[in-house]
Amino acid sequence: PAAVLSGWRYIESKNQKFTMQIPQNWYYSGSGSYYGFSTKPVTSDNQIAQIDIITSTTPTGNSIIINGKKALISRDDSIVIIYLPKSDGKIYKIQGLPSEEATLIKLAETIND
C-alpha cells in the first residue's frame, strides 16, 4: 500500500476489492457497495460523506483528473459529488458536504483498486 498520509488511516474493502485512506478522526460503516462516514459512530442521520459503488449512471459534472483517471465533480449548496472510474468498470460515487470537498478529493486520490 501507499504511505499513509499524516493524520489519516488506511482501510480496506475486501468484497469490493479496494483500499483507501480516511481522516483518523472519521468513523466508517459499510456493507456491500455502500460506505458511510462521520466524525462520530455512523448513523443514518450524521454522515458527512459516503461512497456508493454504482454500475449504471451517466454522471455529469466538471472534469478533473484524479490519479491519472478522468473523474467528474459536481457541486451545489448542499452536496459535492465526485464520480471516479473503478478498474472493474464500475464507478465510485463519492459524496459529502461542501465543507468536506478538499477532504473528499484527497480521499479519492488515495483509492487503490
Protein backbone atom coordinates (compact mmCIF):
# COMPACT_ATOMS: atom_id res chain seq x y z
CA PRO A 1 0.00 0.00 0.00
CA ALA A 2 0.94 3.64 -0.41
CA ALA A 3 2.35 5.54 2.53
CA VAL A 4 -0.35 6.63 4.94
CA LEU A 5 -0.95 10.38 4.86
CA SER A 6 -0.25 12.27 8.06
CA GLY A 7 -3.45 12.37 10.13
CA TRP A 8 -5.11 9.67 8.01
CA ARG A 9 -5.57 5.91 8.30
CA TYR A 10 -5.77 3.01 5.89
CA ILE A 11 -8.94 0.95 5.35
CA GLU A 12 -9.73 -1.93 3.01
CA SER A 13 -12.87 -3.34 1.40
CA LYS A 14 -12.24 -6.99 0.63
CA ASN A 15 -15.62 -7.56 -1.04
CA GLN A 16 -15.27 -4.55 -3.38
CA LYS A 17 -11.51 -5.04 -3.76
CA PHE A 18 -10.19 -1.58 -2.97
CA THR A 19 -8.23 0.27 -0.33
CA MET A 20 -8.28 3.91 0.63
CA GLN A 21 -7.35 6.30 3.36
CA ILE A 22 -9.68 8.35 5.53
CA PRO A 23 -9.03 11.02 8.18
CA GLN A 24 -8.06 9.43 11.51
CA ASN A 25 -10.98 11.11 13.27
CA TRP A 26 -13.58 9.66 10.88
CA TYR A 27 -15.66 6.60 11.63
CA TYR A 28 -16.98 4.45 8.82
CA SER A 29 -19.63 1.84 8.33
CA GLY A 30 -20.17 -0.15 5.20
CA SER A 31 -21.72 -3.17 3.64
CA GLY A 32 -21.93 -4.33 0.08
CA SER A 33 -21.30 -1.36 -2.17
CA TYR A 34 -22.10 1.42 0.34
CA TYR A 35 -19.86 3.14 2.90
CA GLY A 36 -20.87 5.97 5.22
CA PHE A 37 -18.52 8.29 7.13
CA SER A 38 -18.90 10.54 10.16
CA THR A 39 -16.86 12.15 12.92
CA LYS A 40 -18.97 10.08 15.37
CA PRO A 41 -20.09 6.44 15.18
CA VAL A 42 -22.02 6.34 11.90
CA THR A 43 -25.81 6.52 11.85
CA SER A 44 -28.18 7.35 9.01
CA ASP A 45 -28.51 10.87 10.45
CA ASN A 46 -24.91 12.01 10.98
CA GLN A 47 -22.99 11.16 7.81
CA ILE A 48 -20.68 13.81 6.42
CA ALA A 49 -19.65 11.69 3.43
CA GLN A 50 -20.49 8.46 1.68
CA ILE A 51 -19.26 6.25 -1.11
CA ASP A 52 -21.53 4.18 -3.32
CA ILE A 53 -20.13 1.82 -5.91
CA ILE A 54 -22.52 2.09 -8.80
CA THR A 55 -22.86 0.43 -12.18
CA SER A 56 -25.44 2.33 -14.16
CA THR A 57 -25.36 6.07 -14.36
CA THR A 58 -24.44 8.85 -16.71
CA PRO A 59 -22.68 11.21 -14.36
CA THR A 60 -22.43 14.91 -15.06
CA GLY A 61 -20.03 17.48 -13.74
CA ASN A 62 -16.76 19.24 -14.42
CA SER A 63 -13.78 17.16 -15.47
CA ILE A 64 -10.92 16.70 -13.04
CA ILE A 65 -8.01 14.28 -13.09
CA ILE A 66 -7.51 12.03 -10.06
CA ASN A 67 -4.55 9.64 -10.15
CA GLY A 68 -4.40 9.88 -13.92
CA LYS A 69 -8.08 8.96 -14.31
CA LYS A 70 -10.67 11.32 -15.73
CA ALA A 71 -13.19 11.95 -12.99
CA LEU A 72 -16.15 14.30 -12.71
CA ILE A 73 -17.06 16.63 -9.88
CA SER A 74 -20.39 18.37 -9.35
CA ARG A 75 -21.22 20.86 -6.64
CA ASP A 76 -24.19 22.71 -5.27
CA ASP A 77 -25.00 24.39 -1.97
CA SER A 78 -25.74 21.14 -0.15
CA ILE A 79 -23.51 18.44 -1.71
CA VAL A 80 -20.31 17.71 -3.58
CA ILE A 81 -20.20 14.56 -5.72
CA ILE A 82 -17.11 13.03 -7.30
CA TYR A 83 -17.50 10.26 -9.87
CA LEU A 84 -14.29 8.23 -10.17
CA PRO A 85 -13.90 5.24 -12.52
CA LYS A 86 -13.22 1.90 -10.81
CA SER A 87 -10.85 -0.52 -12.52
CA ASP A 88 -13.62 -3.14 -12.95
CA GLY A 89 -15.84 -0.75 -14.95
CA LYS A 90 -17.99 0.35 -12.01
CA ILE A 91 -17.93 3.90 -10.64
CA TYR A 92 -17.13 5.27 -7.20
CA LYS A 93 -19.73 7.90 -6.32
CA ILE A 94 -18.08 9.86 -3.52
CA GLN A 95 -20.31 12.49 -1.99
CA GLY A 96 -20.41 14.72 1.02
CA LEU A 97 -20.89 18.14 2.49
CA PRO A 98 -19.42 21.07 0.55
CA SER A 99 -17.25 21.86 3.59
CA GLU A 100 -15.56 18.47 3.07
CA GLU A 101 -14.68 18.95 -0.62
CA ALA A 102 -10.89 19.11 -0.16
CA THR A 103 -11.01 16.02 2.08
CA LEU A 104 -13.18 14.13 -0.43
CA ILE A 105 -10.74 14.88 -3.25
CA LYS A 106 -7.82 13.73 -1.10
CA LEU A 107 -9.75 10.58 -0.15
CA ALA A 108 -10.44 9.87 -3.84
CA GLU A 109 -6.72 10.27 -4.56
CA THR A 110 -5.93 7.50 -2.05
CA ILE A 111 -8.30 4.92 -3.56
CA ASN A 112 -6.41 1.96 -4.96
CA ASP A 113 -8.16 -0.89 -6.74
